[in-house]
């Protein structure tokens, strides 16, 4: 048995939920909204194609690439781009170049994703009728709240990943329960959405839609946070 693997516990799973899936799980806040905006005309092909693209991107990239393949390439229990570099550097010093590029893209994604998630959540308050006049997307109030939240988040990071995960774990559990219940309710209302599991709809959307390249960029947003794995 790998000595670096610890026994799974409920508390450990809850902390992991806050650390890893706290990033991946917030993607629904902005991914589908962005796809509908970029798609311009909302119709059945756009909805089915968008969900199909999201499902297969998460399946192939997040599940297969990250979980099945990448997580197996650990260096004595340690993961990440520099641990991978430690494993492959014996094959040539030039491999430092892709390691640096990988680290750069990881940092860039880590900088971009949190503000997008927080901004999308705060802007969502505009859907509450009594708050619609105050929370106008892009106004100074939303900007101030987002900056304040980001400062607090980065301040608490100094206390370690475990503290952050412990704080956000229960919150993310409630979040996943909420979107699960709402999703199940909507599925009962329109079970035909299950057709989106067929990759045909995603492929046809990317082939026929005039703004396919923009839609593909929006679909990629659903993978943000997967690097936390």
Protein backbone atom coordinates (compact mmCIF):
# COMPACT_ATOMS: atom_id res chain seq x y z
CA UNK A 1 0.00 0.00 0.00
CA UNK A 2 1.23 3.49 -0.82
CA UNK A 3 2.41 5.04 2.51
CA UNK A 4 1.45 8.51 1.25
CA UNK A 5 -2.23 7.57 0.95
CA UNK A 6 -4.28 8.26 4.06
CA UNK A 7 -7.51 6.54 5.01
CA UNK A 8 -10.61 8.32 3.76
CA UNK A 9 -12.74 10.00 6.41
CA UNK A 10 -15.89 12.11 6.35
CA UNK A 11 -13.97 15.14 7.65
CA UNK A 12 -11.24 14.64 5.05
CA UNK A 13 -13.80 14.34 2.26
CA UNK A 14 -15.51 17.53 3.44
CA UNK A 15 -12.20 19.44 3.48
CA UNK A 16 -11.38 18.11 0.00
CA UNK A 17 -14.79 19.30 -1.17
CA UNK A 18 -13.92 22.81 -0.03
CA UNK A 19 -10.40 22.81 -1.48
CA UNK A 20 -10.78 21.10 -4.85
CA UNK A 21 -14.42 21.08 -5.82
CA UNK A 22 -14.96 24.56 -4.45
CA UNK A 23 -13.28 25.78 -7.62
CA UNK A 24 -14.69 23.25 -10.09
CA UNK A 25 -18.17 23.41 -8.59
CA UNK A 26 -18.60 27.15 -9.07
CA UNK A 27 -18.31 26.86 -12.85
CA UNK A 28 -22.11 26.59 -13.33
CA UNK A 29 -22.31 30.19 -12.13
CA UNK A 30 -20.88 31.52 -15.37
CA UNK A 31 -20.31 28.77 -17.96
CA UNK A 32 -23.85 28.23 -19.21
CA UNK A 33 -24.72 31.91 -18.93
CA UNK A 34 -21.70 32.76 -21.09
CA UNK A 35 -22.66 30.11 -23.65
CA UNK A 36 -26.18 31.49 -23.99
CA UNK A 37 -24.87 35.05 -24.34
CA UNK A 38 -22.25 34.08 -26.94
CA UNK A 39 -24.78 31.89 -28.78
CA UNK A 40 -26.97 34.96 -29.35
CA UNK A 41 -30.11 33.04 -30.41
CA UNK A 42 -31.31 30.63 -27.72
CA UNK A 43 -32.82 27.48 -29.20
CA UNK A 44 -32.85 23.73 -28.65
CA UNK A 45 -29.69 23.06 -30.63
CA UNK A 46 -27.75 25.66 -28.63
CA UNK A 47 -28.91 24.28 -25.27
CA UNK A 48 -28.39 20.61 -26.12
CA UNK A 49 -25.10 21.31 -27.89
CA UNK A 50 -23.76 23.45 -25.04
CA UNK A 51 -24.60 20.89 -22.36
CA UNK A 52 -23.16 18.12 -24.53
CA UNK A 53 -19.89 20.04 -24.92
CA UNK A 54 -19.73 20.72 -21.18
CA UNK A 55 -20.42 17.08 -20.29
CA UNK A 56 -17.81 15.63 -22.63
CA UNK A 57 -15.21 18.27 -21.75
CA UNK A 58 -15.58 17.42 -18.06
CA UNK A 59 -15.56 13.70 -18.85
CA UNK A 60 -12.54 13.65 -21.16
CA UNK A 61 -10.41 16.42 -19.68
CA UNK A 62 -11.23 16.59 -15.97
CA UNK A 63 -12.17 12.96 -15.31
CA UNK A 64 -10.06 11.01 -17.79
CA UNK A 65 -7.04 13.28 -18.26
CA UNK A 66 -6.64 14.60 -14.72
CA UNK A 67 -8.06 11.83 -12.51
CA UNK A 68 -7.29 8.69 -14.51
CA UNK A 69 -3.93 9.73 -16.00
CA UNK A 70 -2.31 12.77 -14.37
CA UNK A 71 -3.01 11.84 -10.74
CA UNK A 72 -1.11 8.60 -11.30
CA UNK A 73 2.08 10.57 -12.05
CA UNK A 74 2.99 11.54 -8.50
CA UNK A 75 6.45 11.97 -7.02
CA UNK A 76 6.38 10.14 -3.68
CA UNK A 77 2.88 11.37 -3.03
CA UNK A 78 3.50 14.92 -4.22
CA UNK A 79 1.72 16.30 -7.27
CA UNK A 80 1.89 19.42 -9.40
CA UNK A 81 3.90 20.66 -12.33
CA UNK A 82 7.21 20.81 -10.43
CA UNK A 83 6.78 17.28 -9.10
CA UNK A 84 6.18 16.11 -12.66
CA UNK A 85 9.31 17.97 -13.74
CA UNK A 86 11.30 16.19 -11.01
CA UNK A 87 10.24 12.89 -12.58
CA UNK A 88 11.11 13.74 -16.18
CA UNK A 89 14.15 16.05 -15.84
CA UNK A 90 16.50 13.07 -16.16
CA UNK A 91 15.49 12.91 -19.82
CA UNK A 92 16.90 16.34 -20.63
CA UNK A 93 17.47 19.82 -19.22
CA UNK A 94 15.27 21.31 -21.96
CA UNK A 95 12.22 19.90 -20.14
CA UNK A 96 12.57 22.83 -17.75
CA UNK A 97 11.01 24.98 -20.49
CA UNK A 98 7.60 23.18 -20.62
CA UNK A 99 7.69 23.02 -16.80
CA UNK A 100 8.05 26.81 -16.63
CA UNK A 101 5.28 27.27 -19.19
CA UNK A 102 3.05 24.87 -17.23
CA UNK A 103 3.73 26.71 -13.98
CA UNK A 104 2.97 30.04 -15.69
CA UNK A 105 -0.36 28.85 -17.07
CA UNK A 106 -1.25 27.36 -13.67
CA UNK A 107 -0.61 30.68 -11.95
CA UNK A 108 -2.55 32.56 -14.65
CA UNK A 109 -5.55 30.26 -14.22
CA UNK A 110 -5.32 30.59 -10.45
CA UNK A 111 -5.42 34.38 -10.76
CA UNK A 112 -8.28 34.52 -13.28
CA UNK A 113 -10.71 31.89 -11.95
CA UNK A 114 -11.48 33.20 -8.41
CA UNK A 115 -12.46 36.73 -9.53
CA UNK A 116 -14.71 35.29 -12.26
CA UNK A 117 -16.46 33.00 -9.76
CA UNK A 118 -16.92 35.71 -7.14
CA UNK A 119 -18.04 38.32 -9.68
CA UNK A 120 -20.57 35.93 -11.21
CA UNK A 121 -21.98 35.12 -7.78
CA UNK A 122 -22.36 38.78 -6.77
CA UNK A 123 -23.81 39.75 -10.16
CA UNK A 124 -26.37 36.99 -9.65
CA UNK A 125 -27.96 39.12 -6.94
CA UNK A 126 -29.32 41.29 -9.77
CA UNK A 127 -31.85 38.51 -10.41
CA UNK A 128 -33.48 39.30 -7.06
CA UNK A 129 -36.20 41.88 -7.92
CA UNK A 130 -35.62 44.01 -4.81
CA UNK A 131 -31.87 44.16 -5.49
CA UNK A 132 -31.93 44.56 -9.27
CA UNK A 133 -31.51 48.35 -9.12
CA UNK A 134 -28.47 48.13 -6.81
CA UNK A 135 -26.59 45.19 -8.32
CA UNK A 136 -26.14 46.25 -11.93
CA UNK A 137 -23.41 44.14 -13.59
CA UNK A 138 -20.21 46.15 -13.79
CA UNK A 139 -21.13 48.93 -11.36
CA UNK A 140 -18.88 50.19 -8.56
CA UNK A 141 -20.86 48.43 -5.82
CA UNK A 142 -20.24 44.99 -7.31
CA UNK A 143 -16.60 45.87 -7.97
CA UNK A 144 -16.09 46.96 -4.36
CA UNK A 145 -17.73 43.82 -2.94
CA UNK A 146 -15.65 41.55 -5.21
CA UNK A 147 -12.39 43.27 -4.26
CA UNK A 148 -13.31 43.01 -0.55
CA UNK A 149 -14.09 39.29 -0.83
CA UNK A 150 -10.87 38.59 -2.77
CA UNK A 151 -8.78 40.42 -0.15
CA UNK A 152 -10.38 38.35 2.62
CA UNK A 153 -9.89 35.09 0.71
CA UNK A 154 -6.20 35.72 0.07
CA UNK A 155 -5.75 36.90 3.67
CA UNK A 156 -7.13 33.63 5.08
CA UNK A 157 -4.93 31.55 2.77
CA UNK A 158 -1.94 32.28 5.00
CA UNK A 159 -3.45 29.98 7.61
CA UNK A 160 -3.12 26.99 5.31
CA UNK A 161 -5.18 24.98 2.86
CA UNK A 162 -6.73 22.88 5.61
CA UNK A 163 -8.27 25.92 7.32
CA UNK A 164 -9.69 27.21 4.03
CA UNK A 165 -11.01 23.76 3.12
CA UNK A 166 -12.62 23.30 6.54
CA UNK A 167 -14.40 26.65 6.20
CA UNK A 168 -15.62 26.14 2.64
CA UNK A 169 -16.35 22.41 2.81
CA UNK A 170 -19.80 22.75 4.46
CA UNK A 171 -20.64 25.68 2.20
CA UNK A 172 -19.79 23.68 -0.92
CA UNK A 173 -21.79 20.72 0.38
CA UNK A 174 -24.87 22.95 0.63
CA UNK A 175 -24.09 24.39 -2.82
CA UNK A 176 -23.91 20.96 -4.45
CA UNK A 177 -27.07 19.82 -2.69
CA UNK A 178 -28.88 22.92 -3.92
CA UNK A 179 -27.84 22.62 -7.58
CA UNK A 180 -28.48 18.86 -7.39
CA UNK A 181 -32.03 19.34 -6.14
CA UNK A 182 -32.77 22.16 -8.59
CA UNK A 183 -31.23 20.14 -11.43
CA UNK A 184 -33.32 17.07 -10.54
CA UNK A 185 -36.46 19.21 -10.47
CA UNK A 186 -35.70 20.67 -13.90
CA UNK A 187 -34.89 17.21 -15.26
CA UNK A 188 -38.29 15.94 -14.17
CA UNK A 189 -39.86 18.91 -15.96
CA UNK A 190 -37.94 18.23 -19.18
CA UNK A 191 -36.37 14.72 -19.26
CA UNK A 192 -35.52 15.16 -22.94
CA UNK A 193 -32.40 17.05 -21.89
CA UNK A 194 -30.77 13.64 -21.39
CA UNK A 195 -30.17 13.66 -25.15
CA UNK A 196 -27.29 16.06 -24.46
CA UNK A 197 -25.22 13.05 -23.33
CA UNK A 198 -24.93 12.22 -27.02
CA UNK A 199 -21.73 13.89 -28.34
CA UNK A 200 -23.48 14.37 -31.69
CA UNK A 201 -25.23 17.51 -30.44
CA UNK A 202 -21.97 19.06 -29.24
CA UNK A 203 -20.18 18.25 -32.50
CA UNK A 204 -23.01 19.65 -34.61
CA UNK A 205 -23.05 22.85 -32.55
CA UNK A 206 -19.34 23.40 -33.13
CA UNK A 207 -19.64 22.60 -36.86
CA UNK A 208 -22.75 24.62 -37.71
CA UNK A 209 -22.81 27.54 -35.28
CA UNK A 210 -21.26 30.72 -36.76
CA UNK A 211 -19.73 31.64 -33.38
CA UNK A 212 -18.39 28.16 -32.65
CA UNK A 213 -14.90 29.37 -31.67
CA UNK A 214 -16.38 31.68 -29.02
CA UNK A 215 -18.64 28.91 -27.73
CA UNK A 216 -15.66 26.57 -27.45
CA UNK A 217 -13.82 29.17 -25.39
CA UNK A 218 -16.85 29.46 -23.10
CA UNK A 219 -17.09 25.68 -22.76
CA UNK A 220 -13.47 25.54 -21.61
CA UNK A 221 -14.45 27.62 -18.57
CA UNK A 222 -16.08 24.51 -17.08
CA UNK A 223 -12.62 22.97 -16.55
CA UNK A 224 -11.29 25.87 -14.48
CA UNK A 225 -10.35 24.53 -11.08
CA UNK A 226 -9.42 21.08 -12.34
CA UNK A 227 -5.74 21.96 -11.89
CA UNK A 228 -6.39 21.93 -8.12
CA UNK A 229 -6.50 18.14 -8.40
